[in-house]
């Protein structure tokens, strides 16, 4: 098995990764999952989804914000904990999501600094 690569801000001395059920993700756990996948899964007793269920699954998720330019895309940004805290406080004070505050601030900055 190859080494597990985690982001640069992950500190294995102080943090533990876990799966959706809360089980710690260890090298042994990953090896077990890999073995199960390699062996294949028996789908003879798997529940079949009807077309309505499949259609509903395709429409799940967060709605795209209404923007003048149409559909928006998600962008990842790294920031230190102090700046993130200030951002959360400012967004909470205005009762808006952090993403809305970032979008508005970015648009204002670009408008002021456009050449």
PDB file of N, CA and C in Angstrom:
ATOM      1  N   UNK A   1       0.847  -1.188   0.000  1.00  0.00           N
ATOM      2  CA  UNK A   1       0.000   0.000   0.000  1.00  0.00           C
ATOM      3  C   UNK A   1       0.883   1.238   0.000  1.00  0.00           C
ATOM      4  N   UNK A   2       0.455   2.274  -0.717  1.00  0.00           N
ATOM      5  CA  UNK A   2       1.219   3.511  -0.755  1.00  0.00           C
ATOM      6  C   UNK A   2       0.873   4.368   0.448  1.00  0.00           C
ATOM      7  N   UNK A   3       1.744   5.319   0.741  1.00  0.00           N
ATOM      8  CA  UNK A   3       1.495   6.232   1.851  1.00  0.00           C
ATOM      9  C   UNK A   3       0.288   7.099   1.544  1.00  0.00           C
ATOM     10  N   UNK A   4      -0.483   7.401   2.576  1.00  0.00           N
ATOM     11  CA  UNK A   4      -1.646   8.264   2.446  1.00  0.00           C
ATOM     12  C   UNK A   4      -1.181   9.707   2.485  1.00  0.00           C
ATOM     13  N   UNK A   5      -1.520  10.483   1.462  1.00  0.00           N
ATOM     14  CA  UNK A   5      -1.151  11.889   1.424  1.00  0.00           C
ATOM     15  C   UNK A   5      -2.350  12.715   1.851  1.00  0.00           C
ATOM     16  N   UNK A   6      -2.124  13.573   2.824  1.00  0.00           N
ATOM     17  CA  UNK A   6      -3.171  14.448   3.348  1.00  0.00           C
ATOM     18  C   UNK A   6      -2.689  15.874   3.159  1.00  0.00           C
ATOM     19  N   UNK A   7      -3.588  16.817   3.184  1.00  0.00           N
ATOM     20  CA  UNK A   7      -3.242  18.223   2.951  1.00  0.00           C
ATOM     21  C   UNK A   7      -2.146  18.731   3.865  1.00  0.00           C
ATOM     22  N   UNK A   8      -1.490  19.835   3.471  1.00  0.00           N
ATOM     23  CA  UNK A   8      -0.364  20.361   4.231  1.00  0.00           C
ATOM     24  C   UNK A   8      -0.742  20.898   5.606  1.00  0.00           C
ATOM     25  N   UNK A   9      -2.026  21.186   5.821  1.00  0.00           N
ATOM     26  CA  UNK A   9      -2.439  21.716   7.117  1.00  0.00           C
ATOM     27  C   UNK A   9      -2.915  20.619   8.073  1.00  0.00           C
ATOM     28  N   UNK A  10      -2.741  19.354   7.700  1.00  0.00           N
ATOM     29  CA  UNK A  10      -3.153  18.231   8.545  1.00  0.00           C
ATOM     30  C   UNK A  10      -2.000  17.838   9.450  1.00  0.00           C
ATOM     31  N   UNK A  11      -2.249  17.757  10.742  1.00  0.00           N
ATOM     32  CA  UNK A  11      -1.232  17.373  11.713  1.00  0.00           C
ATOM     33  C   UNK A  11      -1.672  16.075  12.369  1.00  0.00           C
ATOM     34  N   UNK A  12      -1.045  14.969  12.002  1.00  0.00           N
ATOM     35  CA  UNK A  12      -1.465  13.653  12.500  1.00  0.00           C
ATOM     36  C   UNK A  12      -1.212  13.484  13.990  1.00  0.00           C
ATOM     37  N   UNK A  13      -0.378  14.345  14.593  1.00  0.00           N
ATOM     38  CA  UNK A  13      -0.145  14.261  16.041  1.00  0.00           C
ATOM     39  C   UNK A  13      -1.328  14.796  16.836  1.00  0.00           C
ATOM     40  N   UNK A  14      -2.140  15.659  16.207  1.00  0.00           N
ATOM     41  CA  UNK A  14      -3.235  16.297  16.933  1.00  0.00           C
ATOM     42  C   UNK A  14      -4.608  16.047  16.329  1.00  0.00           C
ATOM     43  N   UNK A  15      -4.669  15.443  15.144  1.00  0.00           N
ATOM     44  CA  UNK A  15      -5.944  15.245  14.467  1.00  0.00           C
ATOM     45  C   UNK A  15      -6.087  13.796  14.027  1.00  0.00           C
ATOM     46  N   UNK A  16      -7.325  13.335  13.984  1.00  0.00           N
ATOM     47  CA  UNK A  16      -7.615  11.997  13.497  1.00  0.00           C
ATOM     48  C   UNK A  16      -8.675  12.105  12.423  1.00  0.00           C
ATOM     49  N   UNK A  17      -8.410  11.544  11.256  1.00  0.00           N
ATOM     50  CA  UNK A  17      -9.412  11.501  10.205  1.00  0.00           C
ATOM     51  C   UNK A  17     -10.404  10.399  10.536  1.00  0.00           C
ATOM     52  N   UNK A  18     -11.676  10.601  10.182  1.00  0.00           N
ATOM     53  CA  UNK A  18     -12.707   9.611  10.448  1.00  0.00           C
ATOM     54  C   UNK A  18     -13.628   9.503   9.245  1.00  0.00           C
ATOM     55  N   UNK A  19     -14.258   8.326   9.102  1.00  0.00           N
ATOM     56  CA  UNK A  19     -15.224   8.154   8.016  1.00  0.00           C
ATOM     57  C   UNK A  19     -16.570   8.709   8.456  1.00  0.00           C
ATOM     58  N   UNK A  20     -17.577   8.572   7.614  1.00  0.00           N
ATOM     59  CA  UNK A  20     -18.902   9.140   7.898  1.00  0.00           C
ATOM     60  C   UNK A  20     -19.535   8.551   9.150  1.00  0.00           C
ATOM     61  N   UNK A  21     -19.140   7.322   9.513  1.00  0.00           N
ATOM     62  CA  UNK A  21     -19.681   6.681  10.706  1.00  0.00           C
ATOM     63  C   UNK A  21     -18.857   6.996  11.954  1.00  0.00           C
ATOM     64  N   UNK A  22     -17.795   7.805  11.797  1.00  0.00           N
ATOM     65  CA  UNK A  22     -16.973   8.176  12.940  1.00  0.00           C
ATOM     66  C   UNK A  22     -15.817   7.232  13.226  1.00  0.00           C
ATOM     67  N   UNK A  23     -15.641   6.203  12.384  1.00  0.00           N
ATOM     68  CA  UNK A  23     -14.534   5.269  12.589  1.00  0.00           C
ATOM     69  C   UNK A  23     -13.230   5.934  12.145  1.00  0.00           C
ATOM     70  N   UNK A  24     -12.155   5.815  12.949  1.00  0.00           N
ATOM     71  CA  UNK A  24     -10.887   6.426  12.558  1.00  0.00           C
ATOM     72  C   UNK A  24     -10.346   5.795  11.274  1.00  0.00           C
ATOM     73  N   UNK A  25      -9.823   6.628  10.398  1.00  0.00           N
ATOM     74  CA  UNK A  25      -9.253   6.139   9.149  1.00  0.00           C
ATOM     75  C   UNK A  25      -7.770   5.895   9.379  1.00  0.00           C
ATOM     76  N   UNK A  26      -7.419   4.633   9.437  1.00  0.00           N
ATOM     77  CA  UNK A  26      -6.032   4.226   9.649  1.00  0.00           C
ATOM     78  C   UNK A  26      -5.554   3.491   8.401  1.00  0.00           C
ATOM     79  N   UNK A  27      -4.268   3.213   8.350  1.00  0.00           N
ATOM     80  CA  UNK A  27      -3.716   2.459   7.224  1.00  0.00           C
ATOM     81  C   UNK A  27      -4.374   1.085   7.149  1.00  0.00           C
ATOM     82  N   UNK A  28      -4.594   0.433   8.292  1.00  0.00           N
ATOM     83  CA  UNK A  28      -5.245  -0.889   8.306  1.00  0.00           C
ATOM     84  C   UNK A  28      -6.673  -0.807   7.779  1.00  0.00           C
ATOM     85  N   UNK A  29      -7.393   0.237   8.178  1.00  0.00           N
ATOM     86  CA  UNK A  29      -8.774   0.416   7.727  1.00  0.00           C
ATOM     87  C   UNK A  29      -8.812   0.613   6.211  1.00  0.00           C
ATOM     88  N   UNK A  30      -7.907   1.438   5.688  1.00  0.00           N
ATOM     89  CA  UNK A  30      -7.845   1.652   4.250  1.00  0.00           C
ATOM     90  C   UNK A  30      -7.480   0.363   3.514  1.00  0.00           C
ATOM     91  N   UNK A  31      -6.590  -0.410   4.077  1.00  0.00           N
ATOM     92  CA  UNK A  31      -6.199  -1.693   3.487  1.00  0.00           C
ATOM     93  C   UNK A  31      -7.407  -2.635   3.436  1.00  0.00           C
ATOM     94  N   UNK A  32      -8.208  -2.651   4.504  1.00  0.00           N
ATOM     95  CA  UNK A  32      -9.421  -3.485   4.551  1.00  0.00           C
ATOM     96  C   UNK A  32     -10.407  -3.058   3.467  1.00  0.00           C
ATOM     97  N   UNK A  33     -10.654  -1.749   3.353  1.00  0.00           N
ATOM     98  CA  UNK A  33     -11.582  -1.254   2.335  1.00  0.00           C
ATOM     99  C   UNK A  33     -11.086  -1.570   0.930  1.00  0.00           C
ATOM    100  N   UNK A  34      -9.792  -1.426   0.732  1.00  0.00           N
ATOM    101  CA  UNK A  34      -9.204  -1.725  -0.572  1.00  0.00           C
ATOM    102  C   UNK A  34      -9.385  -3.197  -0.917  1.00  0.00           C
ATOM    103  N   UNK A  35      -9.180  -4.070   0.055  1.00  0.00           N
ATOM    104  CA  UNK A  35      -9.367  -5.505  -0.165  1.00  0.00           C
ATOM    105  C   UNK A  35     -10.803  -5.845  -0.518  1.00  0.00           C
ATOM    106  N   UNK A  36     -11.746  -5.208   0.179  1.00  0.00           N
ATOM    107  CA  UNK A  36     -13.164  -5.442  -0.122  1.00  0.00           C
ATOM    108  C   UNK A  36     -13.495  -5.001  -1.541  1.00  0.00           C
ATOM    109  N   UNK A  37     -12.976  -3.839  -1.935  1.00  0.00           N
ATOM    110  CA  UNK A  37     -13.245  -3.343  -3.284  1.00  0.00           C
ATOM    111  C   UNK A  37     -12.611  -4.242  -4.336  1.00  0.00           C
ATOM    112  N   UNK A  38     -11.377  -4.697  -4.081  1.00  0.00           N
ATOM    113  CA  UNK A  38     -10.700  -5.578  -5.031  1.00  0.00           C
ATOM    114  C   UNK A  38     -11.453  -6.896  -5.204  1.00  0.00           C
ATOM    115  N   UNK A  39     -12.049  -7.392  -4.110  1.00  0.00           N
ATOM    116  CA  UNK A  39     -12.780  -8.659  -4.160  1.00  0.00           C
ATOM    117  C   UNK A  39     -14.110  -8.509  -4.892  1.00  0.00           C
ATOM    118  N   UNK A  40     -14.609  -7.296  -4.947  1.00  0.00           N
ATOM    119  CA  UNK A  40     -15.895  -7.053  -5.591  1.00  0.00           C
ATOM    120  C   UNK A  40     -17.025  -7.164  -4.589  1.00  0.00           C
ATOM    121  N   UNK A  41     -18.135  -6.552  -4.921  1.00  0.00           N
ATOM    122  CA  UNK A  41     -19.285  -6.545  -4.023  1.00  0.00           C
ATOM    123  C   UNK A  41     -20.416  -7.364  -4.641  1.00  0.00           C
ATOM    124  N   UNK A  42     -21.108  -8.106  -3.784  1.00  0.00           N
ATOM    125  CA  UNK A  42     -22.249  -8.895  -4.220  1.00  0.00           C
ATOM    126  C   UNK A  42     -23.476  -7.992  -4.244  1.00  0.00           C
ATOM    127  N   UNK A  43     -23.953  -7.674  -5.431  1.00  0.00           N
ATOM    128  CA  UNK A  43     -25.085  -6.762  -5.569  1.00  0.00           C
ATOM    129  C   UNK A  43     -26.403  -7.480  -5.835  1.00  0.00           C
ATOM    130  N   UNK A  44     -26.418  -8.807  -5.663  1.00  0.00           N
ATOM    131  CA  UNK A  44     -27.640  -9.557  -5.957  1.00  0.00           C
ATOM    132  C   UNK A  44     -28.791  -9.169  -5.035  1.00  0.00           C
ATOM    133  N   UNK A  45     -28.480  -8.688  -3.846  1.00  0.00           N
ATOM    134  CA  UNK A  45     -29.538  -8.314  -2.906  1.00  0.00           C
ATOM    135  C   UNK A  45     -29.631  -6.804  -2.721  1.00  0.00           C
ATOM    136  N   UNK A  46     -28.965  -6.047  -3.565  1.00  0.00           N
ATOM    137  CA  UNK A  46     -29.011  -4.583  -3.456  1.00  0.00           C
ATOM    138  C   UNK A  46     -30.383  -4.074  -3.882  1.00  0.00           C
ATOM    139  N   UNK A  47     -30.846  -3.051  -3.212  1.00  0.00           N
ATOM    140  CA  UNK A  47     -32.147  -2.470  -3.520  1.00  0.00           C
ATOM    141  C   UNK A  47     -32.053  -1.706  -4.836  1.00  0.00           C
ATOM    142  N   UNK A  48     -33.024  -1.931  -5.687  1.00  0.00           N
ATOM    143  CA  UNK A  48     -33.087  -1.221  -6.968  1.00  0.00           C
ATOM    144  C   UNK A  48     -33.806   0.103  -6.759  1.00  0.00           C
ATOM    145  N   UNK A  49     -33.264   1.172  -7.306  1.00  0.00           N
ATOM    146  CA  UNK A  49     -33.905   2.483  -7.219  1.00  0.00           C
ATOM    147  C   UNK A  49     -34.850   2.653  -8.394  1.00  0.00           C
ATOM    148  N   UNK A  50     -36.023   3.232  -8.117  1.00  0.00           N
ATOM    149  CA  UNK A  50     -36.941   3.496  -9.227  1.00  0.00           C
ATOM    150  C   UNK A  50     -36.546   4.816  -9.897  1.00  0.00           C
ATOM    151  N   UNK A  51     -37.040   5.084 -11.094  1.00  0.00           N
ATOM    152  CA  UNK A  51     -36.650   6.298 -11.834  1.00  0.00           C
ATOM    153  C   UNK A  51     -36.916   7.596 -11.072  1.00  0.00           C
ATOM    154  N   UNK A  52     -37.987   7.654 -10.275  1.00  0.00           N
ATOM    155  CA  UNK A  52     -38.268   8.871  -9.506  1.00  0.00           C
ATOM    156  C   UNK A  52     -37.202   9.119  -8.448  1.00  0.00           C
ATOM    157  N   UNK A  53     -36.746   8.034  -7.786  1.00  0.00           N
ATOM    158  CA  UNK A  53     -35.686   8.180  -6.792  1.00  0.00           C
ATOM    159  C   UNK A  53     -34.385   8.659  -7.445  1.00  0.00           C
ATOM    160  N   UNK A  54     -34.070   8.106  -8.611  1.00  0.00           N
ATOM    161  CA  UNK A  54     -32.863   8.517  -9.324  1.00  0.00           C
ATOM    162  C   UNK A  54     -32.935   9.986  -9.723  1.00  0.00           C
ATOM    163  N   UNK A  55     -34.097  10.427 -10.192  1.00  0.00           N
ATOM    164  CA  UNK A  55     -34.258  11.828 -10.587  1.00  0.00           C
ATOM    165  C   UNK A  55     -34.097  12.744  -9.377  1.00  0.00           C
ATOM    166  N   UNK A  56     -34.649  12.345  -8.236  1.00  0.00           N
ATOM    167  CA  UNK A  56     -34.532  13.153  -7.019  1.00  0.00           C
ATOM    168  C   UNK A  56     -33.076  13.246  -6.575  1.00  0.00           C
ATOM    169  N   UNK A  57     -32.319  12.182  -6.732  1.00  0.00           N
ATOM    170  CA  UNK A  57     -30.907  12.189  -6.339  1.00  0.00           C
ATOM    171  C   UNK A  57     -30.111  13.154  -7.214  1.00  0.00           C
ATOM    172  N   UNK A  58     -30.474  13.287  -8.457  1.00  0.00           N
ATOM    173  CA  UNK A  58     -29.746  14.177  -9.366  1.00  0.00           C
ATOM    174  C   UNK A  58     -29.972  15.651  -9.042  1.00  0.00           C
ATOM    175  N   UNK A  59     -31.069  15.957  -8.335  1.00  0.00           N
ATOM    176  CA  UNK A  59     -31.372  17.349  -8.044  1.00  0.00           C
ATOM    177  C   UNK A  59     -30.987  17.742  -6.623  1.00  0.00           C
ATOM    178  N   UNK A  60     -30.386  16.842  -5.875  1.00  0.00           N
ATOM    179  CA  UNK A  60     -29.979  17.171  -4.510  1.00  0.00           C
ATOM    180  C   UNK A  60     -28.768  18.078  -4.526  1.00  0.00           C
ATOM    181  N   UNK A  61     -28.518  18.679  -3.383  1.00  0.00           N
ATOM    182  CA  UNK A  61     -27.338  19.523  -3.246  1.00  0.00           C
ATOM    183  C   UNK A  61     -27.730  20.963  -3.005  1.00  0.00           C
ATOM    184  N   UNK A  62     -26.720  21.768  -2.826  1.00  0.00           N
ATOM    185  CA  UNK A  62     -26.948  23.181  -2.561  1.00  0.00           C
ATOM    186  C   UNK A  62     -27.323  23.898  -3.848  1.00  0.00           C
ATOM    187  N   UNK A  63     -28.268  24.817  -3.771  1.00  0.00           N
ATOM    188  CA  UNK A  63     -28.624  25.563  -4.970  1.00  0.00           C
ATOM    189  C   UNK A  63     -27.494  26.509  -5.367  1.00  0.00           C
ATOM    190  N   UNK A  64     -27.388  26.789  -6.642  1.00  0.00           N
ATOM    191  CA  UNK A  64     -26.399  27.730  -7.142  1.00  0.00           C
ATOM    192  C   UNK A  64     -26.874  29.142  -6.830  1.00  0.00           C
ATOM    193  N   UNK A  65     -25.998  29.968  -6.246  1.00  0.00           N
ATOM    194  CA  UNK A  65     -26.429  31.344  -5.950  1.00  0.00           C
ATOM    195  C   UNK A  65     -26.818  32.069  -7.233  1.00  0.00           C
ATOM    196  N   UNK A  66     -27.808  32.933  -7.113  1.00  0.00           N
ATOM    197  CA  UNK A  66     -28.201  33.750  -8.269  1.00  0.00           C
ATOM    198  C   UNK A  66     -27.153  34.826  -8.469  1.00  0.00           C
ATOM    199  N   UNK A  67     -26.511  34.798  -9.595  1.00  0.00           N
ATOM    200  CA  UNK A  67     -25.488  35.789  -9.891  1.00  0.00           C
ATOM    201  C   UNK A  67     -25.797  36.395 -11.248  1.00  0.00           C
ATOM    202  N   UNK A  68     -25.395  37.640 -11.469  1.00  0.00           N
ATOM    203  CA  UNK A  68     -25.669  38.276 -12.760  1.00  0.00           C
ATOM    204  C   UNK A  68     -25.068  37.514 -13.932  1.00  0.00           C
ATOM    205  N   UNK A  69     -23.944  36.871 -13.712  1.00  0.00           N
ATOM    206  CA  UNK A  69     -23.261  36.173 -14.807  1.00  0.00           C
ATOM    207  C   UNK A  69     -23.790  34.755 -15.016  1.00  0.00           C
ATOM    208  N   UNK A  70     -24.785  34.351 -14.251  1.00  0.00           N
ATOM    209  CA  UNK A  70     -25.329  33.004 -14.407  1.00  0.00           C
ATOM    210  C   UNK A  70     -24.795  32.055 -13.350  1.00  0.00           C
ATOM    211  N   UNK A  71     -24.592  30.813 -13.735  1.00  0.00           N
ATOM    212  CA  UNK A  71     -24.181  29.786 -12.789  1.00  0.00           C
ATOM    213  C   UNK A  71     -22.791  30.082 -12.237  1.00  0.00           C
ATOM    214  N   UNK A  72     -22.622  29.882 -10.931  1.00  0.00           N
ATOM    215  CA  UNK A  72     -21.337  30.135 -10.299  1.00  0.00           C
ATOM    216  C   UNK A  72     -20.596  28.831 -10.050  1.00  0.00           C
ATOM    217  N   UNK A  73     -19.315  28.942  -9.739  1.00  0.00           N
ATOM    218  CA  UNK A  73     -18.472  27.783  -9.456  1.00  0.00           C
ATOM    219  C   UNK A  73     -17.880  27.931  -8.073  1.00  0.00           C
ATOM    220  N   UNK A  74     -17.656  26.804  -7.413  1.00  0.00           N
ATOM    221  CA  UNK A  74     -17.030  26.804  -6.094  1.00  0.00           C
ATOM    222  C   UNK A  74     -15.532  27.042  -6.243  1.00  0.00           C
ATOM    223  N   UNK A  75     -14.969  27.833  -5.326  1.00  0.00           N
ATOM    224  CA  UNK A  75     -13.542  28.136  -5.321  1.00  0.00           C
ATOM    225  C   UNK A  75     -13.029  27.924  -3.901  1.00  0.00           C
ATOM    226  N   UNK A  76     -11.928  27.213  -3.752  1.00  0.00           N
ATOM    227  CA  UNK A  76     -11.328  26.992  -2.434  1.00  0.00           C
ATOM    228  C   UNK A  76     -10.314  28.077  -2.128  1.00  0.00           C
ATOM    229  N   UNK A  77     -10.333  28.557  -0.904  1.00  0.00           N
ATOM    230  CA  UNK A  77      -9.394  29.582  -0.463  1.00  0.00           C
ATOM    231  C   UNK A  77      -8.865  29.187   0.906  1.00  0.00           C
ATOM    232  N   UNK A  78      -7.574  29.285   1.090  1.00  0.00           N
ATOM    233  CA  UNK A  78      -6.983  29.029   2.403  1.00  0.00           C
ATOM    234  C   UNK A  78      -6.802  30.355   3.127  1.00  0.00           C
ATOM    235  N   UNK A  79      -7.071  30.360   4.448  1.00  0.00           N
ATOM    236  CA  UNK A  79      -6.818  31.551   5.251  1.00  0.00           C
ATOM    237  C   UNK A  79      -6.466  31.118   6.662  1.00  0.00           C
ATOM    238  N   UNK A  80      -5.729  31.981   7.363  1.00  0.00           N
ATOM    239  CA  UNK A  80      -5.335  31.620   8.724  1.00  0.00           C
ATOM    240  C   UNK A  80      -6.547  31.690   9.653  1.00  0.00           C
ATOM    241  N   UNK A  81      -6.407  31.133  10.841  1.00  0.00           N
ATOM    242  CA  UNK A  81      -7.544  31.011  11.757  1.00  0.00           C
ATOM    243  C   UNK A  81      -8.053  32.377  12.231  1.00  0.00           C
ATOM    244  N   UNK A  82      -7.162  33.359  12.372  1.00  0.00           N
ATOM    245  CA  UNK A  82      -7.604  34.684  12.814  1.00  0.00           C
ATOM    246  C   UNK A  82      -8.500  35.349  11.770  1.00  0.00           C
ATOM    247  N   UNK A  83      -8.074  35.293  10.503  1.00  0.00           N
ATOM    248  CA  UNK A  83      -8.872  35.886   9.435  1.00  0.00           C
ATOM    249  C   UNK A  83     -10.204  35.152   9.287  1.00  0.00           C
ATOM    250  N   UNK A  84     -10.178  33.818   9.391  1.00  0.00           N
ATOM    251  CA  UNK A  84     -11.415  33.044   9.296  1.00  0.00           C
ATOM    252  C   UNK A  84     -12.363  33.411  10.436  1.00  0.00           C
ATOM    253  N   UNK A  85     -11.832  33.605  11.622  1.00  0.00           N
ATOM    254  CA  UNK A  85     -12.667  33.995  12.759  1.00  0.00           C
ATOM    255  C   UNK A  85     -13.328  35.355  12.497  1.00  0.00           C
ATOM    256  N   UNK A  86     -12.537  36.321  12.023  1.00  0.00           N
ATOM    257  CA  UNK A  86     -13.083  37.643  11.717  1.00  0.00           C
ATOM    258  C   UNK A  86     -14.166  37.552  10.651  1.00  0.00           C
ATOM    259  N   UNK A  87     -13.945  36.709   9.666  1.00  0.00           N
ATOM    260  CA  UNK A  87     -14.924  36.514   8.599  1.00  0.00           C
ATOM    261  C   UNK A  87     -16.223  35.944   9.155  1.00  0.00           C
ATOM    262  N   UNK A  88     -16.114  34.951  10.022  1.00  0.00           N
ATOM    263  CA  UNK A  88     -17.309  34.351  10.628  1.00  0.00           C
ATOM    264  C   UNK A  88     -18.080  35.367  11.466  1.00  0.00           C
ATOM    265  N   UNK A  89     -17.353  36.173  12.241  1.00  0.00           N
ATOM    266  CA  UNK A  89     -18.003  37.186  13.077  1.00  0.00           C
ATOM    267  C   UNK A  89     -18.730  38.206  12.199  1.00  0.00           C
ATOM    268  N   UNK A  90     -18.074  38.681  11.149  1.00  0.00           N
ATOM    269  CA  UNK A  90     -18.682  39.668  10.257  1.00  0.00           C
ATOM    270  C   UNK A  90     -19.916  39.101   9.558  1.00  0.00           C
ATOM    271  N   UNK A  91     -19.824  37.861   9.093  1.00  0.00           N
ATOM    272  CA  UNK A  91     -20.972  37.234   8.419  1.00  0.00           C
ATOM    273  C   UNK A  91     -22.131  37.044   9.397  1.00  0.00           C
ATOM    274  N   UNK A  92     -21.822  36.612  10.611  1.00  0.00           N
ATOM    275  CA  UNK A  92     -22.871  36.413  11.620  1.00  0.00           C
ATOM    276  C   UNK A  92     -23.546  37.730  11.975  1.00  0.00           C
ATOM    277  N   UNK A  93     -22.761  38.811  12.054  1.00  0.00           N
ATOM    278  CA  UNK A  93     -23.325  40.124  12.389  1.00  0.00           C
ATOM    279  C   UNK A  93     -24.310  40.587  11.323  1.00  0.00           C
ATOM    280  N   UNK A  94     -24.059  40.200  10.075  1.00  0.00           N
ATOM    281  CA  UNK A  94     -24.956  40.591   8.973  1.00  0.00           C
ATOM    282  C   UNK A  94     -26.014  39.524   8.686  1.00  0.00           C
ATOM    283  N   UNK A  95     -25.945  38.400   9.397  1.00  0.00           N
ATOM    284  CA  UNK A  95     -26.878  37.280   9.211  1.00  0.00           C
ATOM    285  C   UNK A  95     -26.849  36.754   7.776  1.00  0.00           C
ATOM    286  N   UNK A  96     -25.634  36.592   7.253  1.00  0.00           N
ATOM    287  CA  UNK A  96     -25.460  36.055   5.901  1.00  0.00           C
ATOM    288  C   UNK A  96     -24.418  34.948   5.945  1.00  0.00           C
ATOM    289  N   UNK A  97     -24.436  34.041   4.988  1.00  0.00           N
ATOM    290  CA  UNK A  97     -23.408  33.004   4.932  1.00  0.00           C
ATOM    291  C   UNK A  97     -22.032  33.602   4.635  1.00  0.00           C
ATOM    292  N   UNK A  98     -21.006  32.937   5.081  1.00  0.00           N
ATOM    293  CA  UNK A  98     -19.640  33.381   4.819  1.00  0.00           C
ATOM    294  C   UNK A  98     -19.403  33.517   3.316  1.00  0.00           C
ATOM    295  N   UNK A  99     -19.917  32.564   2.533  1.00  0.00           N
ATOM    296  CA  UNK A  99     -19.684  32.603   1.086  1.00  0.00           C
ATOM    297  C   UNK A  99     -20.265  33.876   0.466  1.00  0.00           C
ATOM    298  N   UNK A 100     -21.406  34.340   0.974  1.00  0.00           N
ATOM    299  CA  UNK A 100     -22.002  35.576   0.459  1.00  0.00           C
ATOM    300  C   UNK A 100     -21.114  36.769   0.781  1.00  0.00           C
ATOM    301  N   UNK A 101     -20.589  36.798   2.005  1.00  0.00           N
ATOM    302  CA  UNK A 101     -19.711  37.897   2.390  1.00  0.00           C
ATOM    303  C   UNK A 101     -18.445  37.911   1.530  1.00  0.00           C
ATOM    304  N   UNK A 102     -17.873  36.755   1.282  1.00  0.00           N
ATOM    305  CA  UNK A 102     -16.669  36.668   0.445  1.00  0.00           C
ATOM    306  C   UNK A 102     -16.983  37.130  -0.976  1.00  0.00           C
ATOM    307  N   UNK A 103     -18.113  36.692  -1.530  1.00  0.00           N
ATOM    308  CA  UNK A 103     -18.514  37.093  -2.872  1.00  0.00           C
ATOM    309  C   UNK A 103     -18.686  38.611  -2.963  1.00  0.00           C
ATOM    310  N   UNK A 104     -19.406  39.188  -1.985  1.00  0.00           N
ATOM    311  CA  UNK A 104     -19.643  40.633  -1.991  1.00  0.00           C
ATOM    312  C   UNK A 104     -18.338  41.409  -1.843  1.00  0.00           C
ATOM    313  N   UNK A 105     -17.487  40.988  -0.925  1.00  0.00           N
ATOM    314  CA  UNK A 105     -16.217  41.687  -0.695  1.00  0.00           C
ATOM    315  C   UNK A 105     -15.313  41.602  -1.919  1.00  0.00           C
ATOM    316  N   UNK A 106     -15.284  40.447  -2.565  1.00  0.00           N
ATOM    317  CA  UNK A 106     -14.469  40.286  -3.764  1.00  0.00           C
ATOM    318  C   UNK A 106     -14.977  41.187  -4.884  1.00  0.00           C
ATOM    319  N   UNK A 107     -16.280  41.226  -5.078  1.00  0.00           N
ATOM    320  CA  UNK A 107     -16.860  42.073  -6.123  1.00  0.00           C
ATOM    321  C   UNK A 107     -16.565  43.544  -5.851  1.00  0.00           C
ATOM    322  N   UNK A 108     -16.695  43.978  -4.592  1.00  0.00           N
ATOM    323  CA  UNK A 108     -16.409  45.372  -4.245  1.00  0.00           C
ATOM    324  C   UNK A 108     -14.944  45.705  -4.483  1.00  0.00           C
ATOM    325  N   UNK A 109     -14.048  44.831  -4.084  1.00  0.00           N
ATOM    326  CA  UNK A 109     -12.616  45.072  -4.273  1.00  0.00           C
ATOM    327  C   UNK A 109     -12.288  45.175  -5.759  1.00  0.00           C
ATOM    328  N   UNK A 110     -12.821  44.249  -6.542  1.00  0.00           N
ATOM    329  CA  UNK A 110     -12.543  44.277  -7.975  1.00  0.00           C
ATOM    330  C   UNK A 110     -13.089  45.542  -8.625  1.00  0.00           C
ATOM    331  N   UNK A 111     -14.268  45.977  -8.195  1.00  0.00           N
ATOM    332  CA  UNK A 111     -14.866  47.196  -8.748  1.00  0.00           C
ATOM    333  C   UNK A 111     -14.003  48.423  -8.439  1.00  0.00           C
ATOM    334  N   UNK A 112     -13.497  48.490  -7.198  1.00  0.00           N
ATOM    335  CA  UNK A 112     -12.663  49.632  -6.802  1.00  0.00           C
ATOM    336  C   UNK A 112     -11.291  49.620  -7.451  1.00  0.00           C
ATOM    337  N   UNK A 113     -10.755  48.432  -7.721  1.00  0.00           N
ATOM    338  CA  UNK A 113      -9.387  48.322  -8.227  1.00  0.00           C
ATOM    339  C   UNK A 113      -9.314  47.950  -9.715  1.00  0.00           C
ATOM    340  N   UNK A 114     -10.435  47.994 -10.395  1.00  0.00           N
ATOM    341  CA  UNK A 114     -10.436  47.661 -11.828  1.00  0.00           C
ATOM    342  C   UNK A 114      -9.635  48.711 -12.585  1.00  0.00           C
ATOM    343  N   UNK A 115      -8.872  48.225 -13.536  1.00  0.00           N
ATOM    344  CA  UNK A 115      -8.075  49.190 -14.309  1.00  0.00           C
ATOM    345  C   UNK A 115      -8.649  49.448 -15.670  1.00  0.00           C
TER     346      UNK A 115
END
